[in-house]
Amino acid sequence: MKKILTIVGPTASGKTDIAYHTALILKNKLNKKVEIISADSRQVYKHIPISSSYPPKEYFKNIKHHFIDELEPEEEFNAGKFGTDARKLIRDLLKNNKIPIIVGGSGLYIRSLIYGLFDLEESQENDANYKRKQIEIRSNLEKRYKENGIEPLLLELKKIDEKSAEKMTNVNQRRIIRALEVYYLTGIPLSEHQKKK
């Protein structure tokens, strides 16, 4: 297995510059093909350069970057999708004798890339019945949220998956709906699925 250079650290610690200058050294001094993979949860979105601190424009001219300024803000992207997409990208880069450098401050994205996260959709992505059922369940849960608020859904989650509910110290509507959706799709609590990863 090839080792992949990964630069991680807290916000504003200089990761972007270190990754860029490392890539330049590999490219210019060692004649290697290098591409940078951003593992930042916000840089993937367009139109928010200040809050996500995009690299300077000249960096893009010299070194190809991935997962930066690619999606509209309303498009859904998460750690599970990043892990799946970034692993595929890394395999392609290595196959073409390119060196990937991963850089980012989103620990969950890095963990997803290295270890994977529970991702129900990965095994069901071509099943039309599954997708239809998922849309129906999610729509129903979102409708109930709009009509009655989050508390009834949180109480429901506590009854069917107490472990997942306990982890939600901040009442997060998306995470609660997702945990309920997984249970109603599979009949198995999300916390049980997560034990497999």
N, C-alpha and C. Protein backbone atom coordinates (compact mmCIF):
# COMPACT_ATOMS: atom_id res chain seq x y z
N MET A 1 0.85 -1.19 0.00
CA MET A 1 0.00 0.00 0.00
C MET A 1 0.89 1.24 0.00
N LYS A 2 0.51 2.19 -0.84
CA LYS A 2 1.26 3.45 -0.87
C LYS A 2 0.84 4.31 0.30
N LYS A 3 1.79 5.08 0.79
CA LYS A 3 1.47 6.02 1.87
C LYS A 3 1.08 7.34 1.23
N ILE A 4 0.09 7.99 1.82
CA ILE A 4 -0.43 9.26 1.29
C ILE A 4 -0.10 10.37 2.26
N LEU A 5 0.53 11.41 1.76
CA LEU A 5 0.85 12.56 2.60
C LEU A 5 -0.43 13.30 2.97
N THR A 6 -0.64 13.50 4.27
CA THR A 6 -1.84 14.17 4.77
C THR A 6 -1.41 15.26 5.75
N ILE A 7 -1.87 16.46 5.52
CA ILE A 7 -1.52 17.60 6.37
C ILE A 7 -2.78 18.04 7.11
N VAL A 8 -2.77 17.91 8.43
CA VAL A 8 -3.94 18.26 9.23
C VAL A 8 -3.53 19.22 10.34
N GLY A 9 -4.52 19.90 10.89
CA GLY A 9 -4.24 20.82 11.99
C GLY A 9 -5.40 21.78 12.16
N PRO A 10 -5.32 22.63 13.19
CA PRO A 10 -6.42 23.55 13.47
C PRO A 10 -6.54 24.64 12.41
N THR A 11 -7.67 25.33 12.43
CA THR A 11 -7.93 26.43 11.51
C THR A 11 -6.83 27.49 11.62
N ALA A 12 -6.45 28.03 10.47
CA ALA A 12 -5.47 29.12 10.38
C ALA A 12 -4.07 28.73 10.87
N SER A 13 -3.72 27.46 10.74
CA SER A 13 -2.39 27.02 11.19
C SER A 13 -1.40 26.92 10.03
N GLY A 14 -1.83 27.27 8.80
CA GLY A 14 -0.91 27.28 7.66
C GLY A 14 -0.91 26.01 6.83
N LYS A 15 -1.90 25.15 6.99
CA LYS A 15 -1.96 23.87 6.26
C LYS A 15 -1.97 24.08 4.75
N THR A 16 -2.76 25.04 4.28
CA THR A 16 -2.90 25.28 2.84
C THR A 16 -1.56 25.65 2.22
N ASP A 17 -0.83 26.56 2.87
CA ASP A 17 0.48 26.98 2.36
C ASP A 17 1.48 25.84 2.38
N ILE A 18 1.49 25.07 3.46
CA ILE A 18 2.42 23.94 3.56
C ILE A 18 2.13 22.93 2.44
N ALA A 19 0.86 22.63 2.23
CA ALA A 19 0.49 21.67 1.18
C ALA A 19 0.92 22.19 -0.19
N TYR A 20 0.64 23.45 -0.45
CA TYR A 20 0.97 24.03 -1.75
C TYR A 20 2.48 24.02 -2.00
N HIS A 21 3.26 24.48 -1.02
CA HIS A 21 4.72 24.56 -1.21
C HIS A 21 5.35 23.16 -1.27
N THR A 22 4.77 22.21 -0.54
CA THR A 22 5.24 20.82 -0.64
C THR A 22 4.97 20.29 -2.05
N ALA A 23 3.78 20.57 -2.56
CA ALA A 23 3.43 20.13 -3.92
C ALA A 23 4.37 20.76 -4.95
N LEU A 24 4.70 22.04 -4.77
CA LEU A 24 5.62 22.71 -5.70
C LEU A 24 7.02 22.08 -5.68
N ILE A 25 7.50 21.74 -4.49
CA ILE A 25 8.81 21.09 -4.38
C ILE A 25 8.78 19.75 -5.11
N LEU A 26 7.74 18.97 -4.86
CA LEU A 26 7.64 17.66 -5.53
C LEU A 26 7.54 17.81 -7.04
N LYS A 27 6.82 18.84 -7.47
CA LYS A 27 6.63 19.06 -8.91
C LYS A 27 7.90 19.61 -9.57
N ASN A 28 8.45 20.67 -9.01
CA ASN A 28 9.56 21.38 -9.66
C ASN A 28 10.94 20.75 -9.42
N LYS A 29 11.17 20.24 -8.22
CA LYS A 29 12.50 19.71 -7.91
C LYS A 29 12.61 18.22 -8.21
N LEU A 30 11.50 17.48 -8.03
CA LEU A 30 11.55 16.02 -8.23
C LEU A 30 10.79 15.57 -9.48
N ASN A 31 10.25 16.55 -10.21
CA ASN A 31 9.54 16.26 -11.46
C ASN A 31 8.37 15.28 -11.28
N LYS A 32 7.62 15.45 -10.20
CA LYS A 32 6.46 14.59 -9.90
C LYS A 32 5.17 15.32 -10.25
N LYS A 33 4.15 14.55 -10.59
CA LYS A 33 2.81 15.12 -10.80
C LYS A 33 2.09 15.05 -9.46
N VAL A 34 1.59 16.20 -9.00
CA VAL A 34 0.98 16.29 -7.67
C VAL A 34 -0.37 16.98 -7.77
N GLU A 35 -1.35 16.49 -7.01
CA GLU A 35 -2.65 17.17 -6.90
C GLU A 35 -3.05 17.22 -5.43
N ILE A 36 -3.72 18.29 -5.06
CA ILE A 36 -4.13 18.51 -3.66
C ILE A 36 -5.61 18.19 -3.50
N ILE A 37 -5.91 17.46 -2.43
CA ILE A 37 -7.29 17.11 -2.09
C ILE A 37 -7.66 17.83 -0.80
N SER A 38 -8.63 18.72 -0.86
CA SER A 38 -9.07 19.44 0.34
C SER A 38 -10.04 18.57 1.14
N ALA A 39 -9.76 18.43 2.43
CA ALA A 39 -10.65 17.70 3.33
C ALA A 39 -11.32 18.70 4.28
N ASP A 40 -11.67 19.86 3.73
CA ASP A 40 -12.34 20.90 4.50
C ASP A 40 -13.83 20.84 4.20
N SER A 41 -14.65 20.83 5.21
CA SER A 41 -16.09 20.65 5.02
C SER A 41 -16.78 21.83 4.35
N ARG A 42 -16.13 23.02 4.32
CA ARG A 42 -16.78 24.19 3.72
C ARG A 42 -16.16 24.61 2.39
N GLN A 43 -14.90 24.29 2.17
CA GLN A 43 -14.24 24.73 0.93
C GLN A 43 -14.87 24.15 -0.32
N VAL A 44 -15.57 23.05 -0.19
CA VAL A 44 -16.20 22.41 -1.36
C VAL A 44 -17.29 23.29 -1.97
N TYR A 45 -17.82 24.24 -1.18
CA TYR A 45 -18.94 25.07 -1.65
C TYR A 45 -18.46 26.34 -2.34
N LYS A 46 -19.20 26.74 -3.37
CA LYS A 46 -18.93 27.98 -4.09
C LYS A 46 -19.49 29.18 -3.31
N HIS A 47 -19.03 30.36 -3.66
CA HIS A 47 -19.59 31.65 -3.21
C HIS A 47 -19.33 31.99 -1.75
N ILE A 48 -18.50 31.21 -1.04
CA ILE A 48 -18.23 31.57 0.37
C ILE A 48 -16.73 31.59 0.65
N PRO A 49 -15.97 32.35 -0.14
CA PRO A 49 -14.50 32.33 0.01
C PRO A 49 -14.00 32.84 1.36
N ILE A 50 -14.74 33.74 1.99
CA ILE A 50 -14.25 34.30 3.25
C ILE A 50 -14.42 33.29 4.38
N SER A 51 -15.62 32.72 4.51
CA SER A 51 -15.85 31.80 5.62
C SER A 51 -15.11 30.49 5.45
N SER A 52 -14.78 30.12 4.20
CA SER A 52 -14.10 28.84 4.01
C SER A 52 -12.62 29.00 3.70
N SER A 53 -12.16 30.22 3.50
CA SER A 53 -10.75 30.52 3.27
C SER A 53 -10.15 29.69 2.13
N TYR A 54 -10.66 29.96 0.92
CA TYR A 54 -10.09 29.30 -0.26
C TYR A 54 -8.61 29.63 -0.39
N PRO A 55 -7.84 28.71 -0.99
CA PRO A 55 -6.44 29.05 -1.29
C PRO A 55 -6.38 30.21 -2.29
N PRO A 56 -5.27 30.95 -2.33
CA PRO A 56 -5.13 32.03 -3.32
C PRO A 56 -5.26 31.49 -4.75
N LYS A 57 -5.74 32.34 -5.67
CA LYS A 57 -5.98 31.91 -7.06
C LYS A 57 -4.74 31.37 -7.75
N GLU A 58 -3.57 31.96 -7.45
CA GLU A 58 -2.36 31.49 -8.13
C GLU A 58 -2.01 30.03 -7.77
N TYR A 59 -2.49 29.56 -6.60
CA TYR A 59 -2.25 28.16 -6.22
C TYR A 59 -2.94 27.21 -7.21
N PHE A 60 -4.13 27.62 -7.66
CA PHE A 60 -4.89 26.77 -8.59
C PHE A 60 -4.22 26.69 -9.96
N LYS A 61 -3.50 27.76 -10.33
CA LYS A 61 -2.83 27.77 -11.64
C LYS A 61 -1.67 26.78 -11.69
N ASN A 62 -1.00 26.61 -10.57
CA ASN A 62 0.21 25.77 -10.54
C ASN A 62 -0.06 24.32 -10.13
N ILE A 63 -1.04 24.11 -9.27
CA ILE A 63 -1.33 22.76 -8.75
C ILE A 63 -2.83 22.53 -8.80
N LYS A 64 -3.24 21.39 -9.35
CA LYS A 64 -4.68 21.07 -9.40
C LYS A 64 -5.19 20.76 -8.00
N HIS A 65 -6.33 21.37 -7.66
CA HIS A 65 -6.98 21.16 -6.37
C HIS A 65 -8.33 20.48 -6.57
N HIS A 66 -8.72 19.65 -5.61
CA HIS A 66 -10.02 18.96 -5.66
C HIS A 66 -10.84 19.32 -4.42
N PHE A 67 -12.15 19.27 -4.55
CA PHE A 67 -13.11 19.54 -3.47
C PHE A 67 -13.01 20.97 -2.96
N ILE A 68 -12.71 21.90 -3.88
CA ILE A 68 -12.72 23.32 -3.53
C ILE A 68 -13.56 24.05 -4.57
N ASP A 69 -14.55 24.84 -4.08
CA ASP A 69 -15.34 25.70 -4.96
C ASP A 69 -16.05 24.88 -6.05
N GLU A 70 -16.63 23.73 -5.67
CA GLU A 70 -17.24 22.83 -6.65
C GLU A 70 -18.77 22.77 -6.58
N LEU A 71 -19.36 22.94 -5.41
CA LEU A 71 -20.80 22.74 -5.24
C LEU A 71 -21.52 24.04 -4.87
N GLU A 72 -22.78 24.12 -5.27
CA GLU A 72 -23.62 25.24 -4.84
C GLU A 72 -23.97 25.04 -3.36
N PRO A 73 -24.19 26.13 -2.61
CA PRO A 73 -24.45 26.00 -1.17
C PRO A 73 -25.64 25.10 -0.82
N GLU A 74 -26.64 25.00 -1.70
CA GLU A 74 -27.80 24.17 -1.36
C GLU A 74 -27.58 22.67 -1.65
N GLU A 75 -26.48 22.35 -2.33
CA GLU A 75 -26.20 20.94 -2.62
C GLU A 75 -25.71 20.24 -1.36
N GLU A 76 -26.14 18.98 -1.20
CA GLU A 76 -25.77 18.23 0.00
C GLU A 76 -24.42 17.54 -0.19
N PHE A 77 -23.58 17.66 0.81
CA PHE A 77 -22.28 17.00 0.82
C PHE A 77 -21.96 16.68 2.26
N ASN A 78 -21.40 15.53 2.53
CA ASN A 78 -21.13 15.16 3.91
C ASN A 78 -19.86 14.32 3.99
N ALA A 79 -19.48 13.95 5.19
CA ALA A 79 -18.24 13.21 5.41
C ALA A 79 -18.27 11.85 4.72
N GLY A 80 -19.42 11.18 4.75
CA GLY A 80 -19.52 9.87 4.09
C GLY A 80 -19.27 9.97 2.60
N LYS A 81 -19.88 10.97 1.97
CA LYS A 81 -19.70 11.16 0.52
C LYS A 81 -18.25 11.57 0.22
N PHE A 82 -17.70 12.43 1.06
CA PHE A 82 -16.30 12.83 0.85
C PHE A 82 -15.39 11.60 0.90
N GLY A 83 -15.57 10.76 1.92
CA GLY A 83 -14.73 9.57 2.05
C GLY A 83 -14.79 8.68 0.82
N THR A 84 -16.00 8.43 0.34
CA THR A 84 -16.19 7.58 -0.84
C THR A 84 -15.57 8.21 -2.07
N ASP A 85 -15.88 9.50 -2.32
CA ASP A 85 -15.38 10.18 -3.52
C ASP A 85 -13.87 10.38 -3.48
N ALA A 86 -13.34 10.72 -2.30
CA ALA A 86 -11.90 10.97 -2.19
C ALA A 86 -11.10 9.67 -2.34
N ARG A 87 -11.61 8.56 -1.81
CA ARG A 87 -10.91 7.27 -2.00
C ARG A 87 -10.83 6.91 -3.48
N LYS A 88 -11.92 7.12 -4.21
CA LYS A 88 -11.94 6.83 -5.65
C LYS A 88 -10.93 7.75 -6.37
N LEU A 89 -10.94 9.03 -6.02
CA LEU A 89 -10.02 9.99 -6.63
C LEU A 89 -8.56 9.59 -6.36
N ILE A 90 -8.26 9.22 -5.13
CA ILE A 90 -6.89 8.82 -4.77
C ILE A 90 -6.46 7.61 -5.58
N ARG A 91 -7.34 6.61 -5.71
CA ARG A 91 -7.00 5.43 -6.52
C ARG A 91 -6.68 5.84 -7.96
N ASP A 92 -7.50 6.74 -8.52
CA ASP A 92 -7.26 7.20 -9.90
C ASP A 92 -5.94 7.95 -10.03
N LEU A 93 -5.65 8.82 -9.06
CA LEU A 93 -4.40 9.58 -9.10
C LEU A 93 -3.20 8.64 -9.02
N LEU A 94 -3.24 7.69 -8.11
CA LEU A 94 -2.13 6.76 -7.96
C LEU A 94 -1.94 5.91 -9.22
N LYS A 95 -3.06 5.51 -9.82
CA LYS A 95 -2.99 4.70 -11.05
C LYS A 95 -2.31 5.48 -12.17
N ASN A 96 -2.47 6.80 -12.15
CA ASN A 96 -1.86 7.67 -13.17
C ASN A 96 -0.52 8.26 -12.71
N ASN A 97 0.09 7.62 -11.71
CA ASN A 97 1.41 8.03 -11.19
C ASN A 97 1.43 9.48 -10.69
N LYS A 98 0.33 9.89 -10.09
CA LYS A 98 0.28 11.23 -9.49
C LYS A 98 0.30 11.08 -7.97
N ILE A 99 0.85 12.08 -7.31
CA ILE A 99 0.93 12.05 -5.84
C ILE A 99 -0.20 12.91 -5.27
N PRO A 100 -1.11 12.30 -4.50
CA PRO A 100 -2.14 13.12 -3.83
C PRO A 100 -1.61 13.66 -2.50
N ILE A 101 -1.92 14.90 -2.23
CA ILE A 101 -1.66 15.48 -0.90
C ILE A 101 -3.01 15.88 -0.33
N ILE A 102 -3.35 15.31 0.81
CA ILE A 102 -4.62 15.62 1.46
C ILE A 102 -4.37 16.70 2.49
N VAL A 103 -5.21 17.71 2.50
CA VAL A 103 -5.03 18.80 3.45
C VAL A 103 -6.39 19.23 3.99
N GLY A 104 -6.47 19.39 5.31
CA GLY A 104 -7.74 19.84 5.85
C GLY A 104 -7.81 19.86 7.35
N GLY A 105 -8.86 20.51 7.82
CA GLY A 105 -9.06 20.62 9.24
C GLY A 105 -10.32 19.94 9.72
N SER A 106 -11.03 19.22 8.82
CA SER A 106 -12.25 18.54 9.24
C SER A 106 -11.90 17.11 9.63
N GLY A 107 -11.76 16.89 10.94
CA GLY A 107 -11.36 15.58 11.44
C GLY A 107 -12.28 14.46 10.99
N LEU A 108 -13.58 14.76 10.95
CA LEU A 108 -14.54 13.74 10.52
C LEU A 108 -14.31 13.35 9.06
N TYR A 109 -13.95 14.32 8.23
CA TYR A 109 -13.68 14.03 6.81
C TYR A 109 -12.44 13.14 6.68
N ILE A 110 -11.42 13.43 7.46
CA ILE A 110 -10.20 12.61 7.42
C ILE A 110 -10.51 11.19 7.92
N ARG A 111 -11.26 11.07 9.02
CA ARG A 111 -11.63 9.73 9.53
C ARG A 111 -12.45 8.97 8.50
N SER A 112 -13.36 9.66 7.84
CA SER A 112 -14.18 9.02 6.82
C SER A 112 -13.32 8.51 5.67
N LEU A 113 -12.34 9.30 5.29
CA LEU A 113 -11.44 8.91 4.20
C LEU A 113 -10.62 7.67 4.59
N ILE A 114 -10.09 7.67 5.80
CA ILE A 114 -9.21 6.58 6.22
C ILE A 114 -10.00 5.31 6.59
N TYR A 115 -11.00 5.47 7.42
CA TYR A 115 -11.69 4.31 7.98
C TYR A 115 -13.05 4.03 7.35
N GLY A 116 -13.62 5.03 6.68
CA GLY A 116 -14.98 4.90 6.18
C GLY A 116 -15.97 5.21 7.29
N LEU A 117 -17.17 5.60 6.89
CA LEU A 117 -18.26 5.81 7.84
C LEU A 117 -19.40 4.91 7.40
N PHE A 118 -20.31 4.66 8.29
CA PHE A 118 -21.48 3.90 7.90
C PHE A 118 -22.22 4.67 6.82
N ASP A 119 -22.42 4.06 5.68
CA ASP A 119 -23.12 4.72 4.58
C ASP A 119 -24.07 3.74 3.93
N LEU A 120 -25.32 3.83 4.31
CA LEU A 120 -26.35 2.92 3.83
C LEU A 120 -26.52 3.00 2.32
N GLU A 121 -26.41 4.21 1.77
CA GLU A 121 -26.66 4.40 0.34
C GLU A 121 -25.63 3.71 -0.54
N GLU A 122 -24.40 3.54 -0.03
CA GLU A 122 -23.33 2.98 -0.86
C GLU A 122 -23.72 1.64 -1.45
N SER A 123 -24.35 0.78 -0.64
CA SER A 123 -24.72 -0.55 -1.12
C SER A 123 -26.04 -0.55 -1.87
N GLN A 124 -26.78 0.54 -1.84
CA GLN A 124 -28.12 0.57 -2.43
C GLN A 124 -28.25 1.57 -3.56
N GLU A 125 -27.12 2.11 -4.05
CA GLU A 125 -27.20 3.26 -4.96
C GLU A 125 -27.92 2.96 -6.28
N ASN A 126 -28.05 1.69 -6.69
CA ASN A 126 -28.72 1.38 -7.95
C ASN A 126 -30.10 0.74 -7.76
N ASP A 127 -30.60 0.75 -6.55
CA ASP A 127 -31.88 0.12 -6.25
C ASP A 127 -32.99 1.18 -6.26
N ALA A 128 -33.84 1.15 -7.31
CA ALA A 128 -34.90 2.17 -7.46
C ALA A 128 -35.93 2.09 -6.34
N ASN A 129 -36.29 0.88 -5.92
CA ASN A 129 -37.28 0.72 -4.84
C ASN A 129 -36.76 1.30 -3.53
N TYR A 130 -35.48 1.06 -3.25
CA TYR A 130 -34.87 1.60 -2.04
C TYR A 130 -34.93 3.13 -2.07
N LYS A 131 -34.54 3.73 -3.20
CA LYS A 131 -34.53 5.20 -3.31
C LYS A 131 -35.93 5.77 -3.12
N ARG A 132 -36.92 5.11 -3.73
CA ARG A 132 -38.32 5.56 -3.61
C ARG A 132 -38.77 5.51 -2.15
N LYS A 133 -38.46 4.41 -1.48
CA LYS A 133 -38.83 4.24 -0.08
C LYS A 133 -38.12 5.29 0.79
N GLN A 134 -36.84 5.54 0.51
CA GLN A 134 -36.08 6.51 1.27
C GLN A 134 -36.69 7.91 1.14
N ILE A 135 -37.01 8.31 -0.08
CA ILE A 135 -37.62 9.63 -0.32
C ILE A 135 -38.94 9.76 0.42
N GLU A 136 -39.74 8.69 0.38
CA GLU A 136 -41.04 8.69 1.06
C GLU A 136 -40.87 8.85 2.57
N ILE A 137 -39.94 8.09 3.16
CA ILE A 137 -39.71 8.15 4.60
C ILE A 137 -39.19 9.53 5.00
N ARG A 138 -38.20 10.03 4.27
CA ARG A 138 -37.62 11.34 4.61
C ARG A 138 -38.66 12.44 4.49
N SER A 139 -39.47 12.42 3.42
CA SER A 139 -40.51 13.44 3.23
C SER A 139 -41.49 13.42 4.39
N ASN A 140 -41.88 12.22 4.81
CA ASN A 140 -42.82 12.09 5.92
C ASN A 140 -42.21 12.65 7.21
N LEU A 141 -40.95 12.34 7.48
CA LEU A 141 -40.29 12.84 8.70
C LEU A 141 -40.14 14.36 8.65
N GLU A 142 -39.78 14.91 7.49
CA GLU A 142 -39.64 16.36 7.37
C GLU A 142 -40.98 17.07 7.52
N LYS A 143 -42.03 16.45 6.99
CA LYS A 143 -43.38 17.02 7.15
C LYS A 143 -43.77 17.05 8.63
N ARG A 144 -43.50 15.96 9.34
CA ARG A 144 -43.81 15.90 10.77
C ARG A 144 -43.01 16.94 11.55
N TYR A 145 -41.74 17.15 11.13
CA TYR A 145 -40.90 18.17 11.78
C TYR A 145 -41.51 19.56 11.59
N LYS A 146 -41.95 19.87 10.35
CA LYS A 146 -42.54 21.19 10.07
C LYS A 146 -43.83 21.41 10.85
N GLU A 147 -44.61 20.34 11.01
CA GLU A 147 -45.91 20.47 11.69
C GLU A 147 -45.79 20.51 13.21
N ASN A 148 -44.85 19.71 13.78
CA ASN A 148 -44.82 19.55 15.24
C ASN A 148 -43.50 19.92 15.91
N GLY A 149 -42.50 20.31 15.13
CA GLY A 149 -41.20 20.63 15.72
C GLY A 149 -40.34 19.38 15.92
N ILE A 150 -39.19 19.59 16.53
CA ILE A 150 -38.20 18.50 16.65
C ILE A 150 -38.42 17.61 17.87
N GLU A 151 -39.04 18.13 18.92
CA GLU A 151 -39.17 17.35 20.17
C GLU A 151 -39.85 15.99 19.99
N PRO A 152 -41.00 15.91 19.30
CA PRO A 152 -41.62 14.58 19.13
C PRO A 152 -40.72 13.59 18.38
N LEU A 153 -39.96 14.09 17.41
CA LEU A 153 -39.04 13.22 16.67
C LEU A 153 -37.89 12.76 17.55
N LEU A 154 -37.39 13.65 18.41
CA LEU A 154 -36.32 13.28 19.33
C LEU A 154 -36.80 12.23 20.33
N LEU A 155 -38.02 12.39 20.84
CA LEU A 155 -38.59 11.39 21.76
C LEU A 155 -38.75 10.03 21.06
N GLU A 156 -39.18 10.06 19.83
CA GLU A 156 -39.32 8.84 19.03
C GLU A 156 -37.96 8.15 18.85
N LEU A 157 -36.93 8.95 18.57
CA LEU A 157 -35.59 8.40 18.40
C LEU A 157 -35.10 7.79 19.70
N LYS A 158 -35.37 8.44 20.84
CA LYS A 158 -34.95 7.90 22.13
C LYS A 158 -35.55 6.52 22.39
N LYS A 159 -36.78 6.30 21.91
CA LYS A 159 -37.43 5.00 22.12
C LYS A 159 -36.81 3.91 21.26
N ILE A 160 -36.43 4.25 20.03
CA ILE A 160 -35.94 3.20 19.12
C ILE A 160 -34.40 3.10 19.07
N ASP A 161 -33.70 4.19 19.44
CA ASP A 161 -32.24 4.19 19.36
C ASP A 161 -31.68 5.16 20.39
N GLU A 162 -31.71 4.72 21.63
CA GLU A 162 -31.30 5.59 22.74
C GLU A 162 -29.84 6.03 22.60
N LYS A 163 -28.96 5.14 22.10
CA LYS A 163 -27.54 5.48 21.97
C LYS A 163 -27.33 6.64 21.00
N SER A 164 -28.01 6.60 19.86
CA SER A 164 -27.87 7.71 18.90
C SER A 164 -28.44 8.99 19.47
N ALA A 165 -29.58 8.90 20.15
CA ALA A 165 -30.21 10.09 20.74
C ALA A 165 -29.30 10.72 21.80
N GLU A 166 -28.62 9.89 22.59
CA GLU A 166 -27.73 10.41 23.64
C GLU A 166 -26.56 11.20 23.06
N LYS A 167 -26.09 10.81 21.87
CA LYS A 167 -24.95 11.50 21.24
C LYS A 167 -25.32 12.89 20.76
N MET A 168 -26.60 13.16 20.63
CA MET A 168 -27.04 14.44 20.06
C MET A 168 -27.21 15.47 21.15
N THR A 169 -26.09 15.98 21.65
CA THR A 169 -26.13 16.98 22.71
C THR A 169 -26.74 18.28 22.18
N ASN A 170 -26.43 18.64 20.94
CA ASN A 170 -27.11 19.76 20.28
C ASN A 170 -28.26 19.14 19.50
N VAL A 171 -29.46 19.62 19.71
CA VAL A 171 -30.60 19.06 19.00
C VAL A 171 -30.48 19.48 17.54
N ASN A 172 -30.09 18.52 16.71
CA ASN A 172 -29.81 18.76 15.30
C ASN A 172 -30.87 18.08 14.46
N GLN A 173 -31.73 18.85 13.84
CA GLN A 173 -32.87 18.33 13.08
C GLN A 173 -32.44 17.34 12.01
N ARG A 174 -31.38 17.66 11.25
CA ARG A 174 -30.94 16.78 10.16
C ARG A 174 -30.46 15.43 10.69
N ARG A 175 -29.70 15.45 11.78
CA ARG A 175 -29.18 14.19 12.33
C ARG A 175 -30.29 13.33 12.93
N ILE A 176 -31.26 13.95 13.57
CA ILE A 176 -32.38 13.20 14.15
C ILE A 176 -33.20 12.56 13.04
N ILE A 177 -33.51 13.33 12.01
CA ILE A 177 -34.28 12.80 10.89
C ILE A 177 -33.49 11.68 10.21
N ARG A 178 -32.19 11.85 10.05
CA ARG A 178 -31.37 10.81 9.41
C ARG A 178 -31.39 9.52 10.23
N ALA A 179 -31.24 9.62 11.55
CA ALA A 179 -31.25 8.43 12.40
C ALA A 179 -32.59 7.70 12.32
N LEU A 180 -33.68 8.46 12.32
CA LEU A 180 -35.01 7.84 12.19
C LEU A 180 -35.18 7.21 10.81
N GLU A 181 -34.70 7.91 9.80
CA GLU A 181 -34.79 7.40 8.42
C GLU A 181 -34.08 6.06 8.29
N VAL A 182 -32.88 5.95 8.84
CA VAL A 182 -32.13 4.69 8.78
C VAL A 182 -32.91 3.57 9.46
N TYR A 183 -33.48 3.87 10.61
CA TYR A 183 -34.25 2.84 11.33
C TYR A 183 -35.46 2.39 10.51
N TYR A 184 -36.20 3.34 9.94
CA TYR A 184 -37.40 2.97 9.19
C TYR A 184 -37.08 2.31 7.85
N LEU A 185 -35.88 2.56 7.33
CA LEU A 185 -35.47 1.90 6.09
C LEU A 185 -35.01 0.47 6.32
N THR A 186 -34.32 0.24 7.45
CA THR A 186 -33.66 -1.05 7.66
C THR A 186 -34.24 -1.87 8.81
N GLY A 187 -34.95 -1.21 9.73
CA GLY A 187 -35.43 -1.91 10.92
C GLY A 187 -34.33 -2.07 11.97
N ILE A 188 -33.17 -1.47 11.72
CA ILE A 188 -32.03 -1.57 12.64
C ILE A 188 -31.61 -0.16 13.04
N PRO A 189 -31.40 0.09 14.35
CA PRO A 189 -30.98 1.43 14.78
C PRO A 189 -29.64 1.84 14.17
N LEU A 190 -29.49 3.14 13.94
CA LEU A 190 -28.26 3.68 13.37
C LEU A 190 -27.04 3.29 14.21
N SER A 191 -27.17 3.31 15.54
CA SER A 191 -26.04 2.98 16.42
C SER A 191 -25.56 1.55 16.18
N GLU A 192 -26.46 0.64 15.82
CA GLU A 192 -26.06 -0.75 15.51
C GLU A 192 -25.31 -0.81 14.17
N HIS A 193 -25.79 -0.06 13.17
CA HIS A 193 -25.10 -0.01 11.89
C HIS A 193 -23.68 0.53 12.07
N GLN A 194 -23.54 1.57 12.93
CA GLN A 194 -22.25 2.22 13.10
C GLN A 194 -21.21 1.31 13.75
N LYS A 195 -21.66 0.31 14.50
CA LYS A 195 -20.72 -0.64 15.12
C LYS A 195 -19.95 -1.44 14.08
N LYS A 196 -20.52 -1.55 12.89
CA LYS A 196 -19.88 -2.35 11.84
C LYS A 196 -18.70 -1.64 11.21
N LYS A 197 -18.56 -0.33 11.42
CA LYS A 197 -17.44 0.43 10.83
C LYS A 197 -16.44 0.77 11.91
